[in-house]
PDB file of all heavy atoms in Angstrom:
ATOM      1  N   PHE A   1      19.591  57.748 -65.616  1.00  0.00           N
ATOM      2  CA  PHE A   1      20.058  58.249 -66.916  1.00  0.00           C
ATOM      3  C   PHE A   1      20.248  59.743 -66.887  1.00  0.00           C
ATOM      4  O   PHE A   1      21.062  60.337 -67.530  1.00  0.00           O
ATOM      5  CB  PHE A   1      19.206  57.746 -68.075  1.00  0.00           C
ATOM      6  CG  PHE A   1      19.441  56.241 -68.371  1.00  0.00           C
ATOM      7  CD1 PHE A   1      18.527  55.272 -67.863  1.00  0.00           C
ATOM      8  CD2 PHE A   1      20.507  55.788 -69.066  1.00  0.00           C
ATOM      9  CE1 PHE A   1      18.754  53.945 -68.098  1.00  0.00           C
ATOM     10  CE2 PHE A   1      20.789  54.566 -69.410  1.00  0.00           C
ATOM     11  CZ  PHE A   1      19.884  53.620 -68.877  1.00  0.00           C
ATOM     12  N   ASP A   2      19.307  60.371 -66.162  1.00  0.00           N
ATOM     13  CA  ASP A   2      19.439  61.826 -65.957  1.00  0.00           C
ATOM     14  C   ASP A   2      20.659  62.282 -65.267  1.00  0.00           C
ATOM     15  O   ASP A   2      21.349  63.228 -65.616  1.00  0.00           O
ATOM     16  CB  ASP A   2      18.223  62.442 -65.202  1.00  0.00           C
ATOM     17  CG  ASP A   2      16.948  62.360 -66.110  1.00  0.00           C
ATOM     18  OD1 ASP A   2      17.064  62.198 -67.254  1.00  0.00           O
ATOM     19  OD2 ASP A   2      15.865  62.387 -65.479  1.00  0.00           O
ATOM     20  N   GLU A   3      20.991  61.583 -64.218  1.00  0.00           N
ATOM     21  CA  GLU A   3      22.171  61.886 -63.330  1.00  0.00           C
ATOM     22  C   GLU A   3      23.508  61.279 -63.742  1.00  0.00           C
ATOM     23  O   GLU A   3      24.552  61.655 -63.374  1.00  0.00           O
ATOM     24  CB  GLU A   3      21.872  61.554 -61.890  1.00  0.00           C
ATOM     25  CG  GLU A   3      20.700  62.349 -61.306  1.00  0.00           C
ATOM     26  CD  GLU A   3      20.397  62.050 -59.871  1.00  0.00           C
ATOM     27  OE1 GLU A   3      21.113  61.094 -59.283  1.00  0.00           O
ATOM     28  OE2 GLU A   3      19.480  62.569 -59.326  1.00  0.00           O
ATOM     29  N   GLY A   4      23.375  60.147 -64.609  1.00  0.00           N
ATOM     30  CA  GLY A   4      24.532  59.467 -65.058  1.00  0.00           C
ATOM     31  C   GLY A   4      25.301  58.659 -64.007  1.00  0.00           C
ATOM     32  O   GLY A   4      26.572  58.497 -64.092  1.00  0.00           O
ATOM     33  N   ARG A   5      24.628  58.215 -63.056  1.00  0.00           N
ATOM     34  CA  ARG A   5      25.256  57.394 -61.984  1.00  0.00           C
ATOM     35  C   ARG A   5      24.152  56.380 -61.394  1.00  0.00           C
ATOM     36  O   ARG A   5      23.028  56.705 -61.347  1.00  0.00           O
ATOM     37  CB  ARG A   5      25.887  58.249 -60.953  1.00  0.00           C
ATOM     38  CG  ARG A   5      24.959  59.125 -60.184  1.00  0.00           C
ATOM     39  CD  ARG A   5      25.696  60.100 -59.348  1.00  0.00           C
ATOM     40  NE  ARG A   5      24.782  61.111 -58.704  1.00  0.00           N
ATOM     41  CZ  ARG A   5      24.144  61.019 -57.561  1.00  0.00           C
ATOM     42  NH1 ARG A   5      24.360  59.986 -56.834  1.00  0.00           N
ATOM     43  NH2 ARG A   5      23.325  61.962 -57.175  1.00  0.00           N
ATOM     44  N   CYS A   6      24.782  55.291 -60.898  1.00  0.00           N
ATOM     45  CA  CYS A   6      23.965  54.303 -60.168  1.00  0.00           C
ATOM     46  C   CYS A   6      24.937  53.336 -59.505  1.00  0.00           C
ATOM     47  O   CYS A   6      26.166  53.380 -59.692  1.00  0.00           O
ATOM     48  CB  CYS A   6      23.090  53.678 -61.177  1.00  0.00           C
ATOM     49  SG  CYS A   6      23.909  52.603 -62.424  1.00  0.00           S
ATOM     50  N   ASN A   7      24.404  52.404 -58.748  1.00  0.00           N
ATOM     51  CA  ASN A   7      25.196  51.402 -58.125  1.00  0.00           C
ATOM     52  C   ASN A   7      25.443  50.295 -59.071  1.00  0.00           C
ATOM     53  O   ASN A   7      24.848  50.211 -60.208  1.00  0.00           O
ATOM     54  CB  ASN A   7      24.551  50.903 -56.781  1.00  0.00           C
ATOM     55  CG  ASN A   7      23.237  50.170 -56.967  1.00  0.00           C
ATOM     56  OD1 ASN A   7      23.084  49.413 -57.915  1.00  0.00           O
ATOM     57  ND2 ASN A   7      22.289  50.275 -56.044  1.00  0.00           N
ATOM     58  N   SER A   8      26.342  49.372 -58.744  1.00  0.00           N
ATOM     59  CA  SER A   8      26.775  48.325 -59.665  1.00  0.00           C
ATOM     60  C   SER A   8      25.712  47.365 -59.919  1.00  0.00           C
ATOM     61  O   SER A   8      25.549  46.923 -61.105  1.00  0.00           O
ATOM     62  CB  SER A   8      28.008  47.624 -59.122  1.00  0.00           C
ATOM     63  OG  SER A   8      27.750  47.040 -57.877  1.00  0.00           O
ATOM     64  N   GLU A   9      24.847  46.989 -59.029  1.00  0.00           N
ATOM     65  CA  GLU A   9      23.765  46.054 -59.236  1.00  0.00           C
ATOM     66  C   GLU A   9      22.824  46.630 -60.381  1.00  0.00           C
ATOM     67  O   GLU A   9      22.452  45.930 -61.212  1.00  0.00           O
ATOM     68  CB  GLU A   9      23.032  45.744 -57.996  1.00  0.00           C
ATOM     69  CG  GLU A   9      21.939  44.737 -58.164  1.00  0.00           C
ATOM     70  CD  GLU A   9      21.218  44.238 -56.870  1.00  0.00           C
ATOM     71  OE1 GLU A   9      21.728  44.788 -55.762  1.00  0.00           O
ATOM     72  OE2 GLU A   9      20.273  43.587 -56.917  1.00  0.00           O
ATOM     73  N   THR A  10      22.490  47.860 -60.136  1.00  0.00           N
ATOM     74  CA  THR A  10      21.588  48.529 -61.135  1.00  0.00           C
ATOM     75  C   THR A  10      22.230  48.581 -62.491  1.00  0.00           C
ATOM     76  O   THR A  10      21.620  48.286 -63.504  1.00  0.00           O
ATOM     77  CB  THR A  10      21.211  49.980 -60.643  1.00  0.00           C
ATOM     78  OG1 THR A  10      20.588  49.906 -59.451  1.00  0.00           O
ATOM     79  CG2 THR A  10      20.349  50.657 -61.696  1.00  0.00           C
ATOM     80  N   LEU A  11      23.541  48.926 -62.531  1.00  0.00           N
ATOM     81  CA  LEU A  11      24.257  48.947 -63.832  1.00  0.00           C
ATOM     82  C   LEU A  11      24.248  47.574 -64.543  1.00  0.00           C
ATOM     83  O   LEU A  11      24.012  47.435 -65.726  1.00  0.00           O
ATOM     84  CB  LEU A  11      25.677  49.395 -63.578  1.00  0.00           C
ATOM     85  CG  LEU A  11      26.523  49.687 -64.887  1.00  0.00           C
ATOM     86  CD1 LEU A  11      25.889  50.787 -65.711  1.00  0.00           C
ATOM     87  CD2 LEU A  11      27.918  50.042 -64.447  1.00  0.00           C
ATOM     88  N   PHE A  12      24.496  46.502 -63.742  1.00  0.00           N
ATOM     89  CA  PHE A  12      24.519  45.154 -64.324  1.00  0.00           C
ATOM     90  C   PHE A  12      23.193  44.763 -64.849  1.00  0.00           C
ATOM     91  O   PHE A  12      23.058  44.206 -65.865  1.00  0.00           O
ATOM     92  CB  PHE A  12      24.995  44.131 -63.255  1.00  0.00           C
ATOM     93  CG  PHE A  12      26.361  44.333 -62.771  1.00  0.00           C
ATOM     94  CD1 PHE A  12      26.746  43.798 -61.581  1.00  0.00           C
ATOM     95  CD2 PHE A  12      27.384  45.006 -63.507  1.00  0.00           C
ATOM     96  CE1 PHE A  12      28.042  43.945 -61.102  1.00  0.00           C
ATOM     97  CE2 PHE A  12      28.659  45.174 -63.030  1.00  0.00           C
ATOM     98  CZ  PHE A  12      29.008  44.640 -61.867  1.00  0.00           C
ATOM     99  N   ILE A  13      22.118  45.151 -64.176  1.00  0.00           N
ATOM    100  CA  ILE A  13      20.758  44.733 -64.680  1.00  0.00           C
ATOM    101  C   ILE A  13      20.372  45.562 -65.819  1.00  0.00           C
ATOM    102  O   ILE A  13      19.812  45.013 -66.811  1.00  0.00           O
ATOM    103  CB  ILE A  13      19.718  44.989 -63.494  1.00  0.00           C
ATOM    104  CG1 ILE A  13      19.963  43.967 -62.400  1.00  0.00           C
ATOM    105  CG2 ILE A  13      18.292  44.800 -64.065  1.00  0.00           C
ATOM    106  CD1 ILE A  13      18.960  44.123 -61.158  1.00  0.00           C
ATOM    107  N   LEU A  14      20.782  46.834 -65.868  1.00  0.00           N
ATOM    108  CA  LEU A  14      20.536  47.715 -67.128  1.00  0.00           C
ATOM    109  C   LEU A  14      21.290  47.154 -68.236  1.00  0.00           C
ATOM    110  O   LEU A  14      20.727  47.106 -69.398  1.00  0.00           O
ATOM    111  CB  LEU A  14      20.897  49.165 -66.774  1.00  0.00           C
ATOM    112  CG  LEU A  14      19.964  49.889 -65.887  1.00  0.00           C
ATOM    113  CD1 LEU A  14      20.564  51.281 -65.480  1.00  0.00           C
ATOM    114  CD2 LEU A  14      18.530  50.078 -66.639  1.00  0.00           C
ATOM    115  N   ALA A  15      22.495  46.682 -68.094  1.00  0.00           N
ATOM    116  CA  ALA A  15      23.178  46.122 -69.140  1.00  0.00           C
ATOM    117  C   ALA A  15      22.481  44.829 -69.687  1.00  0.00           C
ATOM    118  O   ALA A  15      22.376  44.668 -71.019  1.00  0.00           O
ATOM    119  CB  ALA A  15      24.662  45.761 -68.761  1.00  0.00           C
ATOM    120  N   ALA A  16      22.041  44.039 -68.813  1.00  0.00           N
ATOM    121  CA  ALA A  16      21.309  42.818 -69.266  1.00  0.00           C
ATOM    122  C   ALA A  16      20.014  43.160 -69.983  1.00  0.00           C
ATOM    123  O   ALA A  16      19.532  42.456 -70.904  1.00  0.00           O
ATOM    124  CB  ALA A  16      20.944  42.016 -68.047  1.00  0.00           C
ATOM    125  N   CYS A  17      19.373  44.336 -69.680  1.00  0.00           N
ATOM    126  CA  CYS A  17      18.240  44.717 -70.392  1.00  0.00           C
ATOM    127  C   CYS A  17      18.425  44.934 -71.860  1.00  0.00           C
ATOM    128  O   CYS A  17      17.457  44.790 -72.696  1.00  0.00           O
ATOM    129  CB  CYS A  17      17.676  46.100 -69.809  1.00  0.00           C
ATOM    130  SG  CYS A  17      17.007  46.059 -68.186  1.00  0.00           S
ATOM    131  N   VAL A  18      19.687  45.263 -72.182  1.00  0.00           N
ATOM    132  CA  VAL A  18      19.998  45.473 -73.623  1.00  0.00           C
ATOM    133  C   VAL A  18      20.909  44.380 -74.228  1.00  0.00           C
ATOM    134  O   VAL A  18      21.709  44.561 -75.130  1.00  0.00           O
ATOM    135  CB  VAL A  18      20.552  46.876 -73.877  1.00  0.00           C
ATOM    136  CG1 VAL A  18      19.457  47.869 -73.692  1.00  0.00           C
ATOM    137  CG2 VAL A  18      21.782  47.158 -73.099  1.00  0.00           C
ATOM    138  N   GLU A  19      20.788  43.159 -73.527  1.00  0.00           N
ATOM    139  CA  GLU A  19      21.591  41.972 -73.959  1.00  0.00           C
ATOM    140  C   GLU A  19      23.124  42.140 -73.838  1.00  0.00           C
ATOM    141  O   GLU A  19      23.806  41.701 -74.727  1.00  0.00           O
ATOM    142  CB  GLU A  19      21.203  41.629 -75.444  1.00  0.00           C
ATOM    143  CG  GLU A  19      19.701  41.303 -75.617  1.00  0.00           C
ATOM    144  CD  GLU A  19      19.179  40.082 -74.944  1.00  0.00           C
ATOM    145  OE1 GLU A  19      20.026  39.091 -74.866  1.00  0.00           O
ATOM    146  OE2 GLU A  19      18.116  40.080 -74.347  1.00  0.00           O
ATOM    147  N   CYS A  20      23.569  42.839 -72.838  1.00  0.00           N
ATOM    148  CA  CYS A  20      25.011  42.955 -72.459  1.00  0.00           C
ATOM    149  C   CYS A  20      25.304  42.444 -71.096  1.00  0.00           C
ATOM    150  O   CYS A  20      24.429  42.351 -70.342  1.00  0.00           O
ATOM    151  CB  CYS A  20      25.379  44.399 -72.595  1.00  0.00           C
ATOM    152  SG  CYS A  20      25.257  45.204 -74.228  1.00  0.00           S
ATOM    153  N   GLU A  21      26.587  42.205 -70.903  1.00  0.00           N
ATOM    154  CA  GLU A  21      26.956  41.819 -69.590  1.00  0.00           C
ATOM    155  C   GLU A  21      28.429  42.273 -69.382  1.00  0.00           C
ATOM    156  O   GLU A  21      29.180  42.600 -70.369  1.00  0.00           O
ATOM    157  CB  GLU A  21      26.963  40.318 -69.400  1.00  0.00           C
ATOM    158  CG  GLU A  21      27.796  39.479 -70.314  1.00  0.00           C
ATOM    159  CD  GLU A  21      27.694  37.976 -70.025  1.00  0.00           C
ATOM    160  OE1 GLU A  21      26.640  37.473 -69.719  1.00  0.00           O
ATOM    161  OE2 GLU A  21      28.671  37.300 -70.353  1.00  0.00           O
ATOM    162  N   PHE A  22      28.891  42.381 -68.204  1.00  0.00           N
ATOM    163  CA  PHE A  22      30.248  42.814 -67.865  1.00  0.00           C
ATOM    164  C   PHE A  22      31.115  41.665 -67.677  1.00  0.00           C
ATOM    165  O   PHE A  22      30.762  40.491 -67.193  1.00  0.00           O
ATOM    166  CB  PHE A  22      30.141  43.684 -66.553  1.00  0.00           C
ATOM    167  CG  PHE A  22      29.567  44.994 -66.800  1.00  0.00           C
ATOM    168  CD1 PHE A  22      28.166  45.196 -66.565  1.00  0.00           C
ATOM    169  CD2 PHE A  22      30.269  46.043 -67.160  1.00  0.00           C
ATOM    170  CE1 PHE A  22      27.582  46.339 -66.793  1.00  0.00           C
ATOM    171  CE2 PHE A  22      29.703  47.307 -67.328  1.00  0.00           C
ATOM    172  CZ  PHE A  22      28.367  47.437 -67.207  1.00  0.00           C
ATOM    173  N   GLN A  23      32.411  41.905 -68.050  1.00  0.00           N
ATOM    174  CA  GLN A  23      33.451  40.847 -67.882  1.00  0.00           C
ATOM    175  C   GLN A  23      34.592  41.628 -67.220  1.00  0.00           C
ATOM    176  O   GLN A  23      34.846  42.694 -67.494  1.00  0.00           O
ATOM    177  CB  GLN A  23      33.904  40.298 -69.154  1.00  0.00           C
ATOM    178  CG  GLN A  23      32.908  39.422 -69.910  1.00  0.00           C
ATOM    179  CD  GLN A  23      33.390  38.824 -71.077  1.00  0.00           C
ATOM    180  OE1 GLN A  23      34.457  39.052 -71.574  1.00  0.00           O
ATOM    181  NE2 GLN A  23      32.523  38.061 -71.776  1.00  0.00           N
ATOM    182  N   MET A  24      35.310  40.893 -66.307  1.00  0.00           N
ATOM    183  CA  MET A  24      36.467  41.483 -65.648  1.00  0.00           C
ATOM    184  C   MET A  24      37.718  40.873 -66.210  1.00  0.00           C
ATOM    185  O   MET A  24      37.813  39.613 -66.233  1.00  0.00           O
ATOM    186  CB  MET A  24      36.343  41.235 -64.164  1.00  0.00           C
ATOM    187  CG  MET A  24      37.370  42.071 -63.338  1.00  0.00           C
ATOM    188  SD  MET A  24      36.965  42.040 -61.559  1.00  0.00           S
ATOM    189  CE  MET A  24      37.936  40.642 -61.046  1.00  0.00           C
ATOM    190  N   ALA A  25      38.676  41.676 -66.676  1.00  0.00           N
ATOM    191  CA  ALA A  25      39.882  41.214 -67.153  1.00  0.00           C
ATOM    192  C   ALA A  25      41.018  41.636 -66.281  1.00  0.00           C
ATOM    193  O   ALA A  25      41.129  42.838 -66.178  1.00  0.00           O
ATOM    194  CB  ALA A  25      40.123  41.588 -68.595  1.00  0.00           C
TER     195      ALA A  25
END
């Protein structure tokens, strides 16, 4: 969060932490 970047796996898990998920269209 300080640097504003991470890998995709970390991003997906962080999204799940707040009850979100990614979808690809």
